Amino acid sequence: MRALLALSRLIDRASGALGRSVAWLIVAAAVISAGNAVMRKVFDWSQNSLLEIQWWLFAAVFLLAAPWTLAVNEHIRIDVINNRLSRRTRDIIELVGHALFLLPVAAMVVYTSWTFFGTSFAQNEQSPNAGGLPLWPIKALIPVAFTFLFVQGVSELIKRIAIMRGDLAEGAGHGGYHEAVVAAGSEHGPGTKPTGGAQ
C-alpha cells in the first residue's frame, strides 16, 4: 500500500500542477474579452477568432482542471444526503462510484473521442464562422483531459481503499485528503508509524 500511496501522491502533484497552470487561462480569457469589447466599441472592429479563443480557453480550464478538482475533493456531491450517511457507507459509495462509474466512463470517453478528434484532424475541420479557428486542436483536448481524469480516478481509488483499510486518515474540510497522503508516505510524517502500520 505504501508504494500505491506514493504513486497516488505523484498523480496528485501532477494534477495539481496542471490545474494551477491552466487556471491562469481564465485571466487570459478575461483580458482577451475586455480587449475585444474595447476594440469593438472604440474602433468598431472585432474578429470571430477572438470570440472563439475565449471559448477555447474556457474549455481548456474546464477540462484540464477537472483532475485537480477531483484530487482536492471539491467535485460535486449532494452534501445534504452525503453528510447524513455513515462513514462506512460514504466510503463504499466513493469506492463503487470511482471503480464502476468514473473510471469506465473516463476510459470510454478517451476511446471514443480519439476517433472524434482523428476525423476532425484528417478533415482539417474549421470553424463554421468566418475568420474562426480550426476545430481539431480543441477537440484534441477531450481525450487528453479524460486521460488525466482517468489517472486521477486511479489515485482516488487508491486513497479510498487506503482509508477503508485504515492506512490513511480521512481529510476534513476543503483541500481533500492530499495532506494525509503526503503524511502517510513520509517515513517520519505526522500520524504515521515507521513500520507502515495503519493510522
Protein backbone atom coordinates (compact mmCIF):
# COMPACT_ATOMS: atom_id res chain seq x y z
CA MET A 1 0.00 0.00 0.00
CA ARG A 2 2.92 2.37 0.69
CA ALA A 3 4.04 2.08 -2.95
CA LEU A 4 0.49 2.73 -4.19
CA LEU A 5 0.18 5.78 -1.95
CA ALA A 6 3.49 7.04 -3.36
CA LEU A 7 2.01 6.65 -6.85
CA SER A 8 -1.12 8.47 -5.67
CA ARG A 9 0.98 11.38 -4.37
CA LEU A 10 2.78 11.61 -7.71
CA ILE A 11 -0.52 11.66 -9.61
CA ASP A 12 -1.96 14.28 -7.23
CA ARG A 13 1.06 16.53 -7.66
CA ALA A 14 0.83 16.27 -11.45
CA SER A 15 -2.90 17.04 -11.41
CA GLY A 16 -2.31 19.99 -9.09
CA ALA A 17 0.48 21.40 -11.24
CA LEU A 18 -1.64 21.05 -14.38
CA GLY A 19 -4.73 22.54 -12.73
CA ARG A 20 -2.90 25.53 -11.27
CA SER A 21 -1.24 26.19 -14.62
CA VAL A 22 -4.41 26.13 -16.71
CA ALA A 23 -6.30 28.20 -14.12
CA TRP A 24 -4.30 31.20 -15.37
CA LEU A 25 -6.06 30.82 -18.72
CA ILE A 26 -9.10 32.39 -17.05
CA VAL A 27 -7.06 35.57 -16.69
CA ALA A 28 -6.05 35.36 -20.36
CA ALA A 29 -9.70 34.87 -21.37
CA ALA A 30 -10.74 37.90 -19.31
CA VAL A 31 -8.03 40.08 -20.88
CA ILE A 32 -8.97 38.96 -24.40
CA SER A 33 -12.66 39.51 -23.66
CA ALA A 34 -12.04 43.01 -22.32
CA GLY A 35 -9.72 43.88 -25.20
CA ASN A 36 -12.21 42.60 -27.74
CA ALA A 37 -15.00 44.67 -26.16
CA VAL A 38 -12.86 47.82 -26.19
CA MET A 39 -11.83 47.30 -29.82
CA ARG A 40 -15.44 46.72 -30.84
CA LYS A 41 -16.75 49.81 -29.04
CA VAL A 42 -13.88 52.18 -29.84
CA PHE A 43 -12.82 51.05 -33.31
CA ASP A 44 -15.93 49.13 -34.42
CA TRP A 45 -13.68 46.12 -35.11
CA SER A 46 -13.83 42.52 -33.95
CA GLN A 47 -12.89 39.02 -35.08
CA ASN A 48 -14.68 35.73 -34.66
CA SER A 49 -11.33 34.21 -33.76
CA LEU A 50 -11.17 36.45 -30.67
CA LEU A 51 -14.53 35.15 -29.53
CA GLU A 52 -13.62 31.55 -30.24
CA ILE A 53 -10.28 31.72 -28.42
CA GLN A 54 -12.22 32.69 -25.30
CA TRP A 55 -14.30 29.52 -25.68
CA TRP A 56 -11.11 27.53 -26.20
CA LEU A 57 -9.54 28.91 -23.04
CA PHE A 58 -12.66 28.20 -21.00
CA ALA A 59 -12.84 24.67 -22.41
CA ALA A 60 -9.16 24.09 -21.57
CA VAL A 61 -9.69 25.21 -17.97
CA PHE A 62 -12.89 23.19 -17.57
CA LEU A 63 -11.35 20.00 -18.98
CA LEU A 64 -7.77 20.14 -17.72
CA ALA A 65 -8.56 21.40 -14.21
CA ALA A 66 -11.11 18.62 -13.60
CA PRO A 67 -8.48 16.14 -12.30
CA TRP A 68 -7.22 18.78 -9.85
CA THR A 69 -10.79 19.41 -8.67
CA LEU A 70 -11.16 15.69 -8.03
CA ALA A 71 -7.77 15.50 -6.30
CA VAL A 72 -8.63 18.22 -3.78
CA ASN A 73 -12.04 16.67 -3.11
CA GLU A 74 -14.01 19.66 -4.45
CA HIS A 75 -16.10 17.78 -7.01
CA ILE A 76 -19.88 17.99 -6.81
CA ARG A 77 -21.74 15.86 -4.31
CA ILE A 78 -25.23 16.00 -2.86
CA ASP A 79 -23.87 17.02 0.54
CA VAL A 80 -27.31 17.22 2.18
CA ILE A 81 -27.61 13.47 1.69
CA ASN A 82 -23.92 12.56 1.83
CA ASN A 83 -23.40 14.13 5.27
CA ARG A 84 -26.25 12.07 6.74
CA LEU A 85 -24.64 8.78 5.78
CA SER A 86 -22.28 6.79 7.95
CA ARG A 87 -18.58 6.96 7.19
CA ARG A 88 -18.60 3.31 6.05
CA THR A 89 -21.50 3.96 3.66
CA ARG A 90 -19.75 7.04 2.23
CA ASP A 91 -16.58 5.02 1.73
CA ILE A 92 -18.49 2.30 -0.14
CA ILE A 93 -20.25 4.88 -2.33
CA GLU A 94 -16.92 6.52 -3.16
CA LEU A 95 -15.30 3.17 -3.92
CA VAL A 96 -18.15 1.96 -6.13
CA GLY A 97 -18.50 5.37 -7.78
CA HIS A 98 -14.84 5.52 -8.77
CA ALA A 99 -14.50 1.87 -9.76
CA LEU A 100 -17.78 1.37 -11.63
CA PHE A 101 -18.65 4.83 -12.92
CA LEU A 102 -15.76 7.32 -13.05
CA LEU A 103 -13.06 5.02 -14.42
CA PRO A 104 -15.21 3.20 -17.02
CA VAL A 105 -16.83 6.42 -18.26
CA ALA A 106 -13.48 8.24 -18.48
CA ALA A 107 -11.98 5.29 -20.37
CA MET A 108 -14.95 5.19 -22.75
CA VAL A 109 -14.68 8.93 -23.46
CA VAL A 110 -10.94 8.59 -24.12
CA TYR A 111 -11.56 5.71 -26.54
CA THR A 112 -14.44 7.31 -28.45
CA SER A 113 -13.06 10.85 -28.51
CA TRP A 114 -9.83 9.79 -30.23
CA THR A 115 -11.93 8.85 -33.26
CA PHE A 116 -13.82 12.14 -32.93
CA PHE A 117 -10.53 14.06 -32.88
CA GLY A 118 -8.94 11.92 -35.61
CA THR A 119 -11.78 12.58 -38.04
CA SER A 120 -11.63 16.31 -37.33
CA PHE A 121 -7.85 16.36 -37.80
CA ALA A 122 -7.97 14.36 -41.04
CA GLN A 123 -10.54 16.79 -42.46
CA ASN A 124 -8.68 19.84 -41.10
CA GLU A 125 -12.07 20.85 -39.67
CA GLN A 126 -12.55 24.60 -39.47
CA SER A 127 -14.94 26.86 -37.64
CA PRO A 128 -18.23 27.49 -39.45
CA ASN A 129 -17.80 31.18 -38.57
CA ALA A 130 -15.91 33.45 -40.96
CA GLY A 131 -12.41 34.12 -39.65
CA GLY A 132 -12.81 31.46 -36.96
CA LEU A 133 -10.28 28.98 -35.69
CA PRO A 134 -9.68 25.37 -36.73
CA LEU A 135 -11.67 22.95 -34.58
CA TRP A 136 -9.39 19.91 -34.36
CA PRO A 137 -6.92 21.33 -31.78
CA ILE A 138 -9.65 21.96 -29.24
CA LYS A 139 -11.15 18.53 -29.91
CA ALA A 140 -7.76 17.02 -29.07
CA LEU A 141 -8.25 18.29 -25.52
CA ILE A 142 -11.11 15.86 -24.93
CA PRO A 143 -9.13 12.58 -24.98
CA VAL A 144 -6.14 14.26 -23.30
CA ALA A 145 -8.24 15.66 -20.46
CA PHE A 146 -10.15 12.45 -19.86
CA THR A 147 -6.89 10.51 -19.81
CA PHE A 148 -5.71 12.76 -16.97
CA LEU A 149 -9.10 12.34 -15.28
CA PHE A 150 -8.83 8.56 -15.55
CA VAL A 151 -5.37 8.60 -13.98
CA GLN A 152 -6.61 10.85 -11.17
CA GLY A 153 -9.51 8.43 -10.68
CA VAL A 154 -6.96 5.66 -10.09
CA SER A 155 -5.33 7.86 -7.44
CA GLU A 156 -8.71 8.43 -5.76
CA LEU A 157 -9.40 4.70 -5.77
CA ILE A 158 -6.04 4.03 -4.12
CA LYS A 159 -6.74 6.62 -1.43
CA ARG A 160 -10.25 5.34 -0.76
CA ILE A 161 -9.01 1.77 -0.33
CA ALA A 162 -6.25 3.03 1.97
CA ILE A 163 -8.83 4.92 4.05
CA MET A 164 -11.05 1.84 4.33
CA ARG A 165 -8.05 -0.27 5.37
CA GLY A 166 -7.06 2.29 7.99
CA ASP A 167 -3.77 3.12 6.25
CA LEU A 168 -4.80 6.71 5.53
CA ALA A 169 -6.70 9.31 7.54
CA GLU A 170 -9.80 10.88 6.00
CA GLY A 171 -9.20 14.56 5.31
CA ALA A 172 -11.61 17.12 6.65
CA GLY A 173 -12.91 20.32 5.10
CA HIS A 174 -11.60 21.85 1.91
CA GLY A 175 -8.50 20.52 0.30
CA GLY A 176 -9.44 16.86 0.49
CA TYR A 177 -7.04 14.33 1.95
CA HIS A 178 -3.90 15.16 -0.05
CA GLU A 179 -2.08 16.22 3.11
CA ALA A 180 -2.92 12.89 4.73
CA VAL A 181 -1.49 11.04 1.71
CA VAL A 182 1.71 13.06 1.96
CA ALA A 183 1.95 12.28 5.66
CA ALA A 184 1.27 8.58 5.08
CA GLY A 185 4.07 8.40 2.54
CA SER A 186 6.59 10.17 4.73
CA GLU A 187 8.71 7.77 6.76
CA HIS A 188 8.52 10.00 9.82
CA GLY A 189 5.46 12.03 8.83
CA PRO A 190 2.88 13.10 11.38
CA GLY A 191 0.41 10.39 12.26
CA THR A 192 2.34 7.60 10.56
CA LYS A 193 4.18 4.68 12.03
CA PRO A 194 7.74 3.84 10.94
CA THR A 195 6.65 0.23 10.41
CA GLY A 196 3.98 1.32 7.91
CA GLY A 197 1.13 0.22 10.13
CA ALA A 198 -2.37 1.64 9.95
CA GLN A 199 -3.02 5.05 11.43
